[in-house]
């Protein structure tokens, strides 16, 4: 039986929630790297790791005032983290976060597509074996040609 592809699986990659989750992941990883370099105190890093989160509705509310998506996001995260939030986004630009998050989303989408293509390849290989002796009319430039097999068509 063929496994059906559902849009929500791909669609969930491109939701606002997932995009902001990627932003949060990037911000926390950047803080971890800066803590390793001694630029962020370990206690502040622990607070960031434990408390960093956001509420999507709150981000939207702040953005309606600031008209800046990243500032709204960082403000909402800062409300959850507290004083240690002063280290979040340190030395970064909005583009650092946006571009990296987009790359992560594209990788997720590509991984999903590759998984589906592998499944399609399995199905076509099975059909090629199943129909390897099933004769059919060959086609060449829109007209009949030498006989072929349907299995060969599936293999190609």
N, C-alpha and C. Protein backbone atom coordinates (compact mmCIF):
# COMPACT_ATOMS: atom_id res chain seq x y z
N UNK A 1 0.83 -1.19 0.00
CA UNK A 1 0.00 0.00 0.00
C UNK A 1 0.88 1.25 0.00
N UNK A 2 0.48 2.24 -0.74
CA UNK A 2 1.25 3.47 -0.86
C UNK A 2 0.94 4.38 0.33
N UNK A 3 2.00 4.85 0.99
CA UNK A 3 1.85 5.80 2.09
C UNK A 3 1.51 7.16 1.49
N UNK A 4 0.43 7.76 1.93
CA UNK A 4 -0.01 9.05 1.38
C UNK A 4 0.78 10.19 2.00
N UNK A 5 1.15 11.14 1.16
CA UNK A 5 1.82 12.35 1.62
C UNK A 5 0.77 13.33 2.10
N UNK A 6 1.01 13.92 3.26
CA UNK A 6 0.06 14.89 3.79
C UNK A 6 0.72 16.25 3.90
N UNK A 7 0.01 17.28 3.52
CA UNK A 7 0.54 18.63 3.56
C UNK A 7 0.93 19.11 4.95
N UNK A 8 0.16 18.79 5.99
CA UNK A 8 0.55 19.30 7.30
C UNK A 8 1.98 18.94 7.70
N UNK A 9 2.47 17.80 7.24
CA UNK A 9 3.84 17.42 7.56
C UNK A 9 4.82 18.44 6.99
N UNK A 10 4.68 18.77 5.71
CA UNK A 10 5.53 19.79 5.11
C UNK A 10 5.10 21.17 5.61
N UNK A 11 3.80 21.37 5.71
CA UNK A 11 3.30 22.66 6.14
C UNK A 11 3.78 23.05 7.52
N UNK A 12 3.94 22.07 8.41
CA UNK A 12 4.36 22.38 9.77
C UNK A 12 5.78 22.95 9.82
N UNK A 13 6.58 22.63 8.83
CA UNK A 13 7.94 23.17 8.76
C UNK A 13 7.91 24.68 8.57
N UNK A 14 6.90 25.16 7.85
CA UNK A 14 6.85 26.58 7.44
C UNK A 14 5.90 27.42 8.29
N UNK A 15 5.52 26.91 9.46
CA UNK A 15 4.66 27.70 10.34
C UNK A 15 5.47 28.78 11.05
N UNK A 16 4.77 29.80 11.48
CA UNK A 16 5.40 30.86 12.26
C UNK A 16 5.99 30.30 13.55
N UNK A 17 5.27 29.40 14.19
CA UNK A 17 5.74 28.79 15.44
C UNK A 17 7.07 28.07 15.22
N UNK A 18 7.16 27.26 14.17
CA UNK A 18 8.40 26.53 13.91
C UNK A 18 9.55 27.49 13.58
N UNK A 19 9.25 28.52 12.81
CA UNK A 19 10.28 29.51 12.46
C UNK A 19 10.84 30.15 13.73
N UNK A 20 9.96 30.55 14.65
CA UNK A 20 10.42 31.18 15.88
C UNK A 20 11.12 30.17 16.79
N UNK A 21 10.71 28.92 16.75
CA UNK A 21 11.42 27.88 17.52
C UNK A 21 12.86 27.75 17.02
N UNK A 22 13.02 27.87 15.71
CA UNK A 22 14.38 27.85 15.13
C UNK A 22 15.18 29.05 15.62
N UNK A 23 14.54 30.22 15.63
CA UNK A 23 15.21 31.42 16.13
C UNK A 23 15.70 31.19 17.56
N UNK A 24 14.82 30.63 18.38
CA UNK A 24 15.17 30.39 19.78
C UNK A 24 16.34 29.41 19.88
N UNK A 25 16.29 28.36 19.10
CA UNK A 25 17.37 27.37 19.09
C UNK A 25 18.70 28.04 18.73
N UNK A 26 18.68 28.89 17.72
CA UNK A 26 19.90 29.58 17.26
C UNK A 26 20.42 30.51 18.35
N UNK A 27 19.52 31.26 18.96
CA UNK A 27 19.92 32.20 20.01
C UNK A 27 20.55 31.47 21.19
N UNK A 28 19.96 30.35 21.60
CA UNK A 28 20.49 29.60 22.74
C UNK A 28 21.84 28.99 22.37
N UNK A 29 21.95 28.43 21.17
CA UNK A 29 23.24 27.86 20.74
C UNK A 29 24.33 28.92 20.67
N UNK A 30 23.97 30.12 20.21
CA UNK A 30 24.95 31.21 20.17
C UNK A 30 25.39 31.58 21.59
N UNK A 31 24.46 31.59 22.53
CA UNK A 31 24.81 31.87 23.93
C UNK A 31 25.74 30.80 24.48
N UNK A 32 25.48 29.55 24.13
CA UNK A 32 26.34 28.46 24.59
C UNK A 32 27.75 28.62 24.05
N UNK A 33 27.87 28.99 22.79
CA UNK A 33 29.19 29.20 22.19
C UNK A 33 29.90 30.38 22.85
N UNK A 34 29.16 31.44 23.11
CA UNK A 34 29.79 32.61 23.74
C UNK A 34 30.18 32.32 25.19
N UNK A 35 29.41 31.47 25.85
CA UNK A 35 29.77 31.07 27.22
C UNK A 35 31.06 30.25 27.20
N UNK A 36 31.23 29.41 26.20
CA UNK A 36 32.47 28.63 26.09
C UNK A 36 33.68 29.54 25.90
N UNK A 37 33.44 30.69 25.27
CA UNK A 37 34.51 31.66 25.05
C UNK A 37 34.70 32.59 26.24
N UNK A 38 33.86 32.42 27.26
CA UNK A 38 33.96 33.25 28.45
C UNK A 38 33.28 34.61 28.32
N UNK A 39 32.44 34.79 27.30
CA UNK A 39 31.78 36.07 27.08
C UNK A 39 30.45 36.18 27.82
N UNK A 40 29.92 35.05 28.24
CA UNK A 40 28.66 35.00 28.98
C UNK A 40 28.90 34.19 30.25
N UNK A 41 28.51 34.71 31.41
CA UNK A 41 28.68 33.94 32.65
C UNK A 41 27.88 32.64 32.60
N UNK A 42 28.43 31.59 33.20
CA UNK A 42 27.79 30.28 33.18
C UNK A 42 26.41 30.32 33.84
N UNK A 43 26.26 31.08 34.90
CA UNK A 43 24.96 31.18 35.57
C UNK A 43 23.92 31.80 34.64
N UNK A 44 24.32 32.82 33.90
CA UNK A 44 23.41 33.45 32.94
C UNK A 44 23.03 32.44 31.85
N UNK A 45 24.00 31.67 31.40
CA UNK A 45 23.72 30.65 30.39
C UNK A 45 22.72 29.63 30.91
N UNK A 46 22.89 29.19 32.17
CA UNK A 46 21.95 28.23 32.74
C UNK A 46 20.53 28.81 32.77
N UNK A 47 20.42 30.06 33.13
CA UNK A 47 19.10 30.70 33.15
C UNK A 47 18.50 30.77 31.75
N UNK A 48 19.32 31.09 30.79
CA UNK A 48 18.86 31.16 29.39
C UNK A 48 18.40 29.77 28.93
N UNK A 49 19.23 28.76 29.19
CA UNK A 49 18.88 27.41 28.77
C UNK A 49 17.59 26.91 29.43
N UNK A 50 17.39 27.25 30.69
CA UNK A 50 16.23 26.77 31.43
C UNK A 50 14.95 27.55 31.12
N UNK A 51 15.08 28.85 30.90
CA UNK A 51 13.89 29.71 30.82
C UNK A 51 13.55 30.21 29.42
N UNK A 52 14.48 30.11 28.48
CA UNK A 52 14.25 30.68 27.15
C UNK A 52 13.03 30.04 26.50
N UNK A 53 12.04 30.86 26.21
CA UNK A 53 10.81 30.41 25.57
C UNK A 53 10.06 31.66 25.11
N UNK A 54 8.94 31.46 24.47
CA UNK A 54 8.12 32.59 24.02
C UNK A 54 6.69 32.13 23.87
N UNK A 55 5.81 33.09 23.87
CA UNK A 55 4.41 32.85 23.58
C UNK A 55 4.12 33.54 22.25
N UNK A 56 3.66 32.79 21.28
CA UNK A 56 3.46 33.31 19.93
C UNK A 56 2.52 34.52 19.93
N UNK A 57 1.46 34.47 20.68
CA UNK A 57 0.53 35.60 20.74
C UNK A 57 1.21 36.85 21.30
N UNK A 58 2.08 36.63 22.29
CA UNK A 58 2.80 37.77 22.87
C UNK A 58 3.77 38.36 21.85
N UNK A 59 4.44 37.53 21.09
CA UNK A 59 5.35 38.02 20.04
C UNK A 59 4.56 38.87 19.05
N UNK A 60 3.41 38.38 18.63
CA UNK A 60 2.57 39.13 17.69
C UNK A 60 2.12 40.47 18.27
N UNK A 61 1.77 40.44 19.55
CA UNK A 61 1.33 41.67 20.22
C UNK A 61 2.45 42.72 20.23
N UNK A 62 3.65 42.28 20.59
CA UNK A 62 4.79 43.19 20.63
C UNK A 62 5.12 43.68 19.23
N UNK A 63 5.05 42.79 18.25
CA UNK A 63 5.37 43.19 16.87
C UNK A 63 4.39 44.22 16.34
N UNK A 64 3.14 44.16 16.80
CA UNK A 64 2.16 45.16 16.35
C UNK A 64 2.54 46.56 16.82
N UNK A 65 3.37 46.63 17.86
CA UNK A 65 3.84 47.93 18.38
C UNK A 65 5.19 48.30 17.77
N UNK A 66 6.12 47.33 17.75
CA UNK A 66 7.49 47.62 17.29
C UNK A 66 7.64 47.60 15.78
N UNK A 67 6.77 46.84 15.11
CA UNK A 67 6.87 46.64 13.66
C UNK A 67 8.23 46.04 13.27
N UNK A 68 8.77 45.21 14.17
CA UNK A 68 10.05 44.54 13.90
C UNK A 68 9.97 43.14 14.50
N UNK A 69 10.00 42.14 13.63
CA UNK A 69 9.80 40.77 14.08
C UNK A 69 10.84 40.27 15.07
N UNK A 70 12.10 40.56 14.83
CA UNK A 70 13.15 40.05 15.70
C UNK A 70 13.12 40.76 17.06
N UNK A 71 12.91 42.06 17.05
CA UNK A 71 12.81 42.79 18.32
C UNK A 71 11.62 42.27 19.13
N UNK A 72 10.51 42.03 18.47
CA UNK A 72 9.34 41.49 19.17
C UNK A 72 9.65 40.13 19.77
N UNK A 73 10.30 39.29 18.99
CA UNK A 73 10.67 37.95 19.47
C UNK A 73 11.61 38.04 20.67
N UNK A 74 12.66 38.84 20.55
CA UNK A 74 13.64 38.96 21.63
C UNK A 74 13.02 39.55 22.89
N UNK A 75 12.10 40.48 22.73
CA UNK A 75 11.41 41.07 23.88
C UNK A 75 10.57 40.02 24.59
N UNK A 76 9.84 39.21 23.81
CA UNK A 76 9.02 38.16 24.40
C UNK A 76 9.88 37.12 25.12
N UNK A 77 11.01 36.77 24.55
CA UNK A 77 11.92 35.82 25.19
C UNK A 77 12.50 36.44 26.46
N UNK A 78 12.87 37.70 26.40
CA UNK A 78 13.44 38.39 27.57
C UNK A 78 12.45 38.40 28.73
N UNK A 79 11.17 38.51 28.44
CA UNK A 79 10.15 38.48 29.49
C UNK A 79 10.17 37.14 30.24
N UNK A 80 10.51 36.08 29.55
CA UNK A 80 10.57 34.75 30.17
C UNK A 80 11.89 34.52 30.91
N UNK A 81 12.98 35.04 30.34
CA UNK A 81 14.32 34.75 30.86
C UNK A 81 14.70 35.65 32.03
N UNK A 82 14.35 36.91 31.94
CA UNK A 82 14.75 37.86 32.99
C UNK A 82 16.07 38.52 32.67
N UNK A 83 16.82 38.86 33.72
CA UNK A 83 18.04 39.66 33.59
C UNK A 83 19.09 39.02 32.66
N UNK A 84 19.18 37.71 32.66
CA UNK A 84 20.18 37.04 31.82
C UNK A 84 19.91 37.24 30.33
N UNK A 85 18.72 37.73 30.01
CA UNK A 85 18.38 37.94 28.59
C UNK A 85 19.25 39.00 27.93
N UNK A 86 19.95 39.79 28.73
CA UNK A 86 20.82 40.82 28.14
C UNK A 86 21.95 40.19 27.31
N UNK A 87 22.19 38.91 27.52
CA UNK A 87 23.24 38.22 26.76
C UNK A 87 22.71 37.58 25.47
N UNK A 88 21.41 37.49 25.36
CA UNK A 88 20.81 36.88 24.16
C UNK A 88 20.95 37.86 23.00
N UNK A 89 21.34 37.37 21.87
CA UNK A 89 21.49 38.13 20.62
C UNK A 89 22.73 39.02 20.65
N UNK A 90 23.57 38.86 21.65
CA UNK A 90 24.77 39.69 21.78
C UNK A 90 25.72 39.42 20.61
N UNK A 91 26.07 40.48 19.91
CA UNK A 91 27.00 40.39 18.78
C UNK A 91 26.38 39.84 17.51
N UNK A 92 25.07 39.69 17.49
CA UNK A 92 24.40 39.12 16.33
C UNK A 92 23.58 40.19 15.62
N UNK A 93 23.28 39.93 14.37
CA UNK A 93 22.35 40.77 13.63
C UNK A 93 21.07 39.97 13.39
N UNK A 94 20.01 40.69 13.02
CA UNK A 94 18.76 40.01 12.70
C UNK A 94 18.98 39.02 11.56
N UNK A 95 19.77 39.40 10.59
CA UNK A 95 20.02 38.52 9.44
C UNK A 95 20.73 37.24 9.85
N UNK A 96 21.59 37.31 10.86
CA UNK A 96 22.24 36.09 11.34
C UNK A 96 21.20 35.06 11.75
N UNK A 97 20.18 35.52 12.45
CA UNK A 97 19.14 34.63 12.94
C UNK A 97 18.20 34.21 11.81
N UNK A 98 17.75 35.19 11.03
CA UNK A 98 16.79 34.90 9.96
C UNK A 98 17.36 33.95 8.92
N UNK A 99 18.57 34.21 8.47
CA UNK A 99 19.18 33.38 7.43
C UNK A 99 19.47 31.97 7.93
N UNK A 100 19.95 31.87 9.16
CA UNK A 100 20.25 30.55 9.71
C UNK A 100 18.98 29.75 9.91
N UNK A 101 17.95 30.40 10.43
CA UNK A 101 16.66 29.71 10.63
C UNK A 101 16.08 29.24 9.30
N UNK A 102 16.15 30.09 8.30
CA UNK A 102 15.65 29.70 6.98
C UNK A 102 16.42 28.49 6.45
N UNK A 103 17.72 28.49 6.65
CA UNK A 103 18.52 27.34 6.22
C UNK A 103 18.10 26.07 6.95
N UNK A 104 17.79 26.18 8.24
CA UNK A 104 17.33 25.02 9.00
C UNK A 104 15.98 24.53 8.50
N UNK A 105 15.08 25.46 8.19
CA UNK A 105 13.78 25.07 7.66
C UNK A 105 13.93 24.41 6.29
N UNK A 106 14.81 24.96 5.46
CA UNK A 106 15.03 24.38 4.13
C UNK A 106 15.61 22.97 4.26
N UNK A 107 16.50 22.78 5.24
CA UNK A 107 17.07 21.45 5.45
C UNK A 107 15.98 20.47 5.90
N UNK A 108 15.11 20.90 6.80
CA UNK A 108 14.00 20.05 7.23
C UNK A 108 13.13 19.65 6.04
N UNK A 109 12.81 20.64 5.19
CA UNK A 109 11.97 20.37 4.02
C UNK A 109 12.68 19.43 3.05
N UNK A 110 13.96 19.66 2.83
CA UNK A 110 14.73 18.80 1.93
C UNK A 110 14.80 17.37 2.47
N UNK A 111 15.00 17.24 3.78
CA UNK A 111 15.04 15.90 4.39
C UNK A 111 13.72 15.18 4.18
N UNK A 112 12.63 15.90 4.34
CA UNK A 112 11.31 15.30 4.14
C UNK A 112 11.13 14.88 2.68
N UNK A 113 11.53 15.74 1.76
CA UNK A 113 11.42 15.41 0.34
C UNK A 113 12.29 14.20 -0.01
N UNK A 114 13.50 14.16 0.52
CA UNK A 114 14.39 13.03 0.24
C UNK A 114 13.81 11.73 0.79
N UNK A 115 13.19 11.81 1.96
CA UNK A 115 12.55 10.63 2.54
C UNK A 115 11.43 10.15 1.64
N UNK A 116 10.64 11.08 1.14
CA UNK A 116 9.53 10.72 0.25
C UNK A 116 10.04 10.19 -1.08
N UNK A 117 11.12 10.77 -1.59
CA UNK A 117 11.68 10.28 -2.85
C UNK A 117 12.23 8.87 -2.69
N UNK A 118 12.83 8.57 -1.56
CA UNK A 118 13.32 7.21 -1.31
C UNK A 118 12.16 6.22 -1.31
N UNK A 119 11.04 6.63 -0.71
CA UNK A 119 9.85 5.76 -0.70
C UNK A 119 9.33 5.57 -2.13
N UNK A 120 9.30 6.64 -2.91
CA UNK A 120 8.86 6.55 -4.30
C UNK A 120 9.78 5.62 -5.09
N UNK A 121 11.06 5.73 -4.85
CA UNK A 121 12.02 4.86 -5.54
C UNK A 121 11.75 3.39 -5.21
N UNK A 122 11.45 3.10 -3.95
CA UNK A 122 11.12 1.72 -3.56
C UNK A 122 9.87 1.23 -4.29
N UNK A 123 8.87 2.08 -4.36
CA UNK A 123 7.61 1.71 -5.01
C UNK A 123 7.84 1.46 -6.50
N UNK A 124 8.57 2.35 -7.16
CA UNK A 124 8.84 2.19 -8.58
C UNK A 124 9.66 0.93 -8.85
N UNK A 125 10.62 0.64 -7.99
CA UNK A 125 11.42 -0.58 -8.16
C UNK A 125 10.54 -1.82 -8.03
N UNK A 126 9.63 -1.81 -7.07
CA UNK A 126 8.71 -2.95 -6.90
C UNK A 126 7.82 -3.10 -8.12
N UNK A 127 7.33 -1.99 -8.65
CA UNK A 127 6.47 -2.03 -9.84
C UNK A 127 7.27 -2.50 -11.06
N UNK A 128 8.52 -2.08 -11.15
CA UNK A 128 9.36 -2.51 -12.27
C UNK A 128 9.53 -4.03 -12.25
N UNK A 129 9.75 -4.59 -11.06
CA UNK A 129 9.88 -6.05 -10.96
C UNK A 129 8.54 -6.75 -11.23
N UNK A 130 7.46 -6.18 -10.71
CA UNK A 130 6.13 -6.77 -10.89
C UNK A 130 5.72 -6.82 -12.36
N UNK A 131 6.06 -5.79 -13.11
CA UNK A 131 5.60 -5.70 -14.50
C UNK A 131 6.73 -5.90 -15.52
N UNK A 132 7.80 -6.59 -15.11
CA UNK A 132 8.94 -6.71 -16.01
C UNK A 132 8.63 -7.52 -17.28
N UNK A 133 7.58 -8.34 -17.26
CA UNK A 133 7.21 -9.11 -18.46
C UNK A 133 5.90 -8.63 -19.08
N UNK A 134 5.37 -7.52 -18.63
CA UNK A 134 4.11 -7.01 -19.17
C UNK A 134 4.41 -6.17 -20.41
N UNK A 135 4.01 -6.72 -21.57
CA UNK A 135 4.29 -6.03 -22.83
C UNK A 135 3.40 -4.80 -22.99
N UNK A 136 3.97 -3.83 -23.68
CA UNK A 136 3.21 -2.62 -24.01
C UNK A 136 3.76 -2.06 -25.32
N UNK A 137 3.00 -1.19 -25.91
CA UNK A 137 3.45 -0.55 -27.14
C UNK A 137 4.49 0.51 -26.77
N UNK A 138 5.62 0.44 -27.46
CA UNK A 138 6.62 1.48 -27.27
C UNK A 138 6.17 2.76 -27.95
N UNK A 139 6.73 3.88 -27.54
CA UNK A 139 6.37 5.16 -28.13
C UNK A 139 7.64 5.89 -28.55
N UNK A 140 7.58 6.57 -29.67
CA UNK A 140 8.70 7.37 -30.15
C UNK A 140 8.13 8.55 -30.91
N UNK A 141 8.40 9.71 -30.47
CA UNK A 141 7.91 10.93 -31.12
C UNK A 141 6.39 10.89 -31.32
N UNK A 142 5.70 10.36 -30.31
CA UNK A 142 4.24 10.37 -30.36
C UNK A 142 3.61 9.30 -31.23
N UNK A 143 4.42 8.36 -31.73
CA UNK A 143 3.85 7.28 -32.54
C UNK A 143 4.32 5.94 -31.98
N UNK A 144 3.65 4.87 -32.44
CA UNK A 144 4.04 3.53 -31.98
C UNK A 144 5.48 3.23 -32.40
N UNK A 145 6.14 2.49 -31.52
CA UNK A 145 7.52 2.08 -31.79
C UNK A 145 7.65 0.62 -31.40
N UNK A 146 8.88 0.14 -31.26
CA UNK A 146 9.12 -1.26 -30.90
C UNK A 146 8.49 -1.55 -29.54
N UNK A 147 7.98 -2.77 -29.36
CA UNK A 147 7.39 -3.14 -28.07
C UNK A 147 8.39 -2.98 -26.93
N UNK A 148 7.87 -2.67 -25.78
CA UNK A 148 8.68 -2.54 -24.56
C UNK A 148 7.89 -3.23 -23.45
N UNK A 149 8.41 -3.17 -22.25
CA UNK A 149 7.64 -3.69 -21.12
C UNK A 149 7.31 -2.54 -20.17
N UNK A 150 6.18 -2.70 -19.51
CA UNK A 150 5.77 -1.69 -18.55
C UNK A 150 6.77 -1.62 -17.39
N UNK A 151 7.34 -2.76 -17.06
CA UNK A 151 8.37 -2.80 -16.01
C UNK A 151 9.57 -1.93 -16.35
N UNK A 152 9.98 -1.97 -17.63
CA UNK A 152 11.08 -1.13 -18.07
C UNK A 152 10.73 0.35 -17.90
N UNK A 153 9.50 0.72 -18.26
CA UNK A 153 9.06 2.10 -18.08
C UNK A 153 9.14 2.51 -16.62
N UNK A 154 8.72 1.61 -15.72
CA UNK A 154 8.79 1.91 -14.28
C UNK A 154 10.24 2.06 -13.82
N UNK A 155 11.12 1.23 -14.37
CA UNK A 155 12.53 1.28 -13.99
C UNK A 155 13.19 2.56 -14.47
N UNK A 156 12.74 3.03 -15.63
CA UNK A 156 13.34 4.25 -16.17
C UNK A 156 12.81 5.48 -15.47
